[in-house]
């Protein structure tokens, strides 16, 4: 459901700004969605480490410079492993 809302918000933003020059954004909307999803997994006490890692890999972040930081966040939040 959230994806539909995000898509609608994106479409609405495009229509409202049509014909205007777009500012360069440091973080794209897709990247913001990825960050939100990872944050949701960190906040979910029922999320297992393997699920967390699967999402990171699905986003293609296993080769990103942030990968060690994402693992450290998991370990800090869950008490190591």
N, C-alpha and C. Protein backbone atom coordinates (compact mmCIF):
# COMPACT_ATOMS: atom_id res chain seq x y z
N UNK A 1 0.82 -1.18 0.00
CA UNK A 1 0.00 0.00 0.00
C UNK A 1 0.87 1.25 0.00
N UNK A 2 1.96 1.19 0.77
CA UNK A 2 2.85 2.36 0.85
C UNK A 2 3.47 2.66 -0.51
N UNK A 3 3.76 1.60 -1.30
CA UNK A 3 4.34 1.82 -2.62
C UNK A 3 3.37 2.58 -3.52
N UNK A 4 2.09 2.25 -3.43
CA UNK A 4 1.09 2.96 -4.22
C UNK A 4 1.01 4.43 -3.81
N UNK A 5 1.07 4.66 -2.48
CA UNK A 5 1.04 6.04 -1.99
C UNK A 5 2.27 6.80 -2.45
N UNK A 6 3.43 6.14 -2.39
CA UNK A 6 4.67 6.78 -2.84
C UNK A 6 4.61 7.08 -4.33
N UNK A 7 4.08 6.15 -5.10
CA UNK A 7 3.97 6.36 -6.55
C UNK A 7 3.04 7.52 -6.85
N UNK A 8 1.93 7.58 -6.14
CA UNK A 8 0.98 8.66 -6.34
C UNK A 8 1.62 10.00 -5.98
N UNK A 9 2.34 10.02 -4.85
CA UNK A 9 3.02 11.26 -4.44
C UNK A 9 4.05 11.69 -5.47
N UNK A 10 4.78 10.74 -6.03
CA UNK A 10 5.77 11.05 -7.07
C UNK A 10 5.09 11.64 -8.30
N UNK A 11 4.00 11.00 -8.72
CA UNK A 11 3.27 11.47 -9.89
C UNK A 11 2.71 12.87 -9.66
N UNK A 12 2.15 13.08 -8.49
CA UNK A 12 1.59 14.39 -8.16
C UNK A 12 2.69 15.46 -8.15
N UNK A 13 3.82 15.13 -7.58
CA UNK A 13 4.93 16.09 -7.53
C UNK A 13 5.41 16.43 -8.94
N UNK A 14 5.46 15.43 -9.81
CA UNK A 14 5.87 15.68 -11.20
C UNK A 14 4.88 16.59 -11.91
N UNK A 15 3.60 16.34 -11.71
CA UNK A 15 2.58 17.14 -12.38
C UNK A 15 2.58 18.58 -11.88
N UNK A 16 2.75 18.75 -10.58
CA UNK A 16 2.75 20.10 -10.00
C UNK A 16 3.96 20.89 -10.50
N UNK A 17 5.08 20.22 -10.66
CA UNK A 17 6.31 20.92 -11.02
C UNK A 17 6.58 20.91 -12.53
N UNK A 18 5.65 20.44 -13.30
CA UNK A 18 5.84 20.37 -14.75
C UNK A 18 6.15 21.76 -15.30
N UNK A 19 7.20 21.82 -16.10
CA UNK A 19 7.59 23.08 -16.71
C UNK A 19 8.54 23.90 -15.85
N UNK A 20 8.75 23.46 -14.64
CA UNK A 20 9.69 24.15 -13.76
C UNK A 20 11.01 23.40 -13.76
N UNK A 21 12.04 24.11 -13.49
CA UNK A 21 13.35 23.50 -13.41
C UNK A 21 13.48 22.73 -12.09
N UNK A 22 13.95 21.50 -12.15
CA UNK A 22 14.06 20.67 -10.96
C UNK A 22 15.41 20.88 -10.28
N UNK A 23 15.41 21.07 -8.97
CA UNK A 23 16.69 21.18 -8.26
C UNK A 23 17.38 19.81 -8.21
N UNK A 24 18.67 19.84 -8.16
CA UNK A 24 19.43 18.60 -8.05
C UNK A 24 19.28 18.11 -6.62
N UNK A 25 18.89 16.86 -6.47
CA UNK A 25 18.68 16.30 -5.14
C UNK A 25 19.82 15.36 -4.79
N UNK A 26 20.30 15.44 -3.57
CA UNK A 26 21.40 14.60 -3.13
C UNK A 26 20.94 13.15 -3.00
N UNK A 27 19.71 12.96 -2.55
CA UNK A 27 19.19 11.61 -2.38
C UNK A 27 17.94 11.46 -3.25
N UNK A 28 17.94 10.46 -4.10
CA UNK A 28 16.79 10.24 -4.96
C UNK A 28 15.64 9.64 -4.15
N UNK A 29 14.46 9.69 -4.71
CA UNK A 29 13.30 9.12 -4.03
C UNK A 29 13.47 7.63 -3.81
N UNK A 30 14.05 6.94 -4.78
CA UNK A 30 14.26 5.50 -4.62
C UNK A 30 15.19 5.23 -3.46
N UNK A 31 16.22 6.01 -3.34
CA UNK A 31 17.18 5.84 -2.24
C UNK A 31 16.48 6.12 -0.90
N UNK A 32 15.61 7.11 -0.87
CA UNK A 32 14.85 7.41 0.35
C UNK A 32 13.97 6.23 0.73
N UNK A 33 13.35 5.57 -0.25
CA UNK A 33 12.52 4.40 0.03
C UNK A 33 13.36 3.27 0.60
N UNK A 34 14.55 3.08 0.04
CA UNK A 34 15.44 2.03 0.55
C UNK A 34 15.80 2.30 2.01
N UNK A 35 16.14 3.54 2.30
CA UNK A 35 16.50 3.90 3.67
C UNK A 35 15.33 3.68 4.61
N UNK A 36 14.13 4.07 4.18
CA UNK A 36 12.93 3.86 5.01
C UNK A 36 12.70 2.38 5.27
N UNK A 37 12.85 1.55 4.24
CA UNK A 37 12.62 0.11 4.37
C UNK A 37 13.62 -0.51 5.34
N UNK A 38 14.88 -0.13 5.23
CA UNK A 38 15.90 -0.66 6.13
C UNK A 38 15.63 -0.20 7.56
N UNK A 39 15.21 1.03 7.73
CA UNK A 39 14.88 1.54 9.06
C UNK A 39 13.69 0.79 9.65
N UNK A 40 12.71 0.44 8.82
CA UNK A 40 11.57 -0.32 9.31
C UNK A 40 12.02 -1.70 9.79
N UNK A 41 12.93 -2.31 9.06
CA UNK A 41 13.42 -3.62 9.47
C UNK A 41 14.19 -3.54 10.78
N UNK A 42 14.98 -2.49 10.94
CA UNK A 42 15.73 -2.32 12.19
C UNK A 42 14.77 -2.12 13.38
N UNK A 43 13.68 -1.43 13.14
CA UNK A 43 12.72 -1.15 14.20
C UNK A 43 11.83 -2.35 14.53
N UNK A 44 11.72 -3.28 13.60
CA UNK A 44 10.84 -4.43 13.79
C UNK A 44 11.53 -5.50 14.65
N UNK A 45 11.02 -5.74 15.86
CA UNK A 45 11.66 -6.73 16.74
C UNK A 45 11.55 -8.16 16.23
N UNK A 46 10.63 -8.42 15.30
CA UNK A 46 10.45 -9.77 14.77
C UNK A 46 11.30 -10.04 13.52
N UNK A 47 12.00 -9.05 13.04
CA UNK A 47 12.81 -9.20 11.84
C UNK A 47 14.07 -9.99 12.18
N UNK A 48 14.36 -10.98 11.37
CA UNK A 48 15.56 -11.79 11.55
C UNK A 48 16.70 -11.20 10.73
N UNK A 49 17.92 -11.51 11.13
CA UNK A 49 19.10 -10.98 10.45
C UNK A 49 19.12 -11.39 8.98
N UNK A 50 18.72 -12.63 8.69
CA UNK A 50 18.76 -13.09 7.30
C UNK A 50 17.79 -12.28 6.42
N UNK A 51 16.64 -11.91 6.96
CA UNK A 51 15.69 -11.07 6.22
C UNK A 51 16.29 -9.70 5.96
N UNK A 52 16.91 -9.14 6.98
CA UNK A 52 17.57 -7.83 6.88
C UNK A 52 18.63 -7.86 5.78
N UNK A 53 19.46 -8.91 5.80
CA UNK A 53 20.52 -9.04 4.79
C UNK A 53 19.95 -9.25 3.38
N UNK A 54 18.86 -10.01 3.29
CA UNK A 54 18.22 -10.23 1.98
C UNK A 54 17.75 -8.91 1.38
N UNK A 55 17.17 -8.04 2.20
CA UNK A 55 16.70 -6.74 1.71
C UNK A 55 17.88 -5.88 1.26
N UNK A 56 18.94 -5.88 2.05
CA UNK A 56 20.13 -5.12 1.68
C UNK A 56 20.67 -5.61 0.33
N UNK A 57 20.72 -6.92 0.15
CA UNK A 57 21.21 -7.49 -1.11
C UNK A 57 20.24 -7.21 -2.25
N UNK A 58 18.95 -7.23 -1.98
CA UNK A 58 17.96 -6.93 -3.02
C UNK A 58 18.10 -5.49 -3.52
N UNK A 59 18.48 -4.59 -2.63
CA UNK A 59 18.70 -3.20 -3.02
C UNK A 59 20.06 -3.01 -3.69
N UNK A 60 20.89 -4.05 -3.69
CA UNK A 60 22.20 -3.96 -4.30
C UNK A 60 23.20 -3.20 -3.46
N UNK A 61 23.01 -3.19 -2.15
CA UNK A 61 23.87 -2.41 -1.27
C UNK A 61 25.04 -3.21 -0.70
N UNK A 62 25.15 -4.50 -1.05
CA UNK A 62 26.23 -5.29 -0.48
C UNK A 62 27.61 -4.79 -0.93
N UNK A 63 27.68 -4.07 -2.04
CA UNK A 63 28.95 -3.52 -2.51
C UNK A 63 29.07 -2.03 -2.22
N UNK A 64 28.08 -1.46 -1.57
CA UNK A 64 28.08 -0.03 -1.26
C UNK A 64 29.02 0.26 -0.10
N UNK A 65 29.55 1.47 -0.07
CA UNK A 65 30.42 1.83 1.05
C UNK A 65 29.70 1.81 2.40
N UNK A 66 28.36 1.90 2.37
CA UNK A 66 27.58 1.92 3.61
C UNK A 66 27.34 0.52 4.18
N UNK A 67 27.70 -0.52 3.45
CA UNK A 67 27.39 -1.89 3.87
C UNK A 67 27.92 -2.21 5.27
N UNK A 68 29.19 -1.94 5.58
CA UNK A 68 29.67 -2.23 6.94
C UNK A 68 28.89 -1.45 8.01
N UNK A 69 28.49 -0.24 7.67
CA UNK A 69 27.72 0.56 8.62
C UNK A 69 26.33 -0.05 8.84
N UNK A 70 25.72 -0.57 7.78
CA UNK A 70 24.41 -1.22 7.91
C UNK A 70 24.51 -2.45 8.80
N UNK A 71 25.58 -3.22 8.64
CA UNK A 71 25.78 -4.40 9.49
C UNK A 71 26.02 -3.98 10.94
N UNK A 72 26.80 -2.91 11.13
CA UNK A 72 27.06 -2.43 12.48
C UNK A 72 25.77 -1.94 13.15
N UNK A 73 24.90 -1.30 12.38
CA UNK A 73 23.62 -0.85 12.93
C UNK A 73 22.79 -2.04 13.41
N UNK A 74 22.77 -3.11 12.61
CA UNK A 74 22.02 -4.31 13.00
C UNK A 74 22.58 -4.88 14.30
N UNK A 75 23.90 -5.02 14.36
CA UNK A 75 24.53 -5.63 15.54
C UNK A 75 24.33 -4.76 16.78
N UNK A 76 24.40 -3.45 16.59
CA UNK A 76 24.19 -2.54 17.72
C UNK A 76 22.75 -2.64 18.22
N UNK A 77 21.82 -2.70 17.28
CA UNK A 77 20.39 -2.74 17.63
C UNK A 77 20.01 -4.08 18.25
N UNK A 78 20.62 -5.18 17.76
CA UNK A 78 20.23 -6.53 18.18
C UNK A 78 21.19 -7.17 19.19
N UNK A 79 22.25 -6.47 19.54
CA UNK A 79 23.15 -7.01 20.55
C UNK A 79 24.18 -7.98 20.01
N UNK A 80 24.61 -7.74 18.79
CA UNK A 80 25.68 -8.56 18.22
C UNK A 80 25.19 -9.81 17.54
N UNK A 81 26.08 -10.52 16.92
CA UNK A 81 25.89 -11.83 16.29
C UNK A 81 26.92 -12.05 15.24
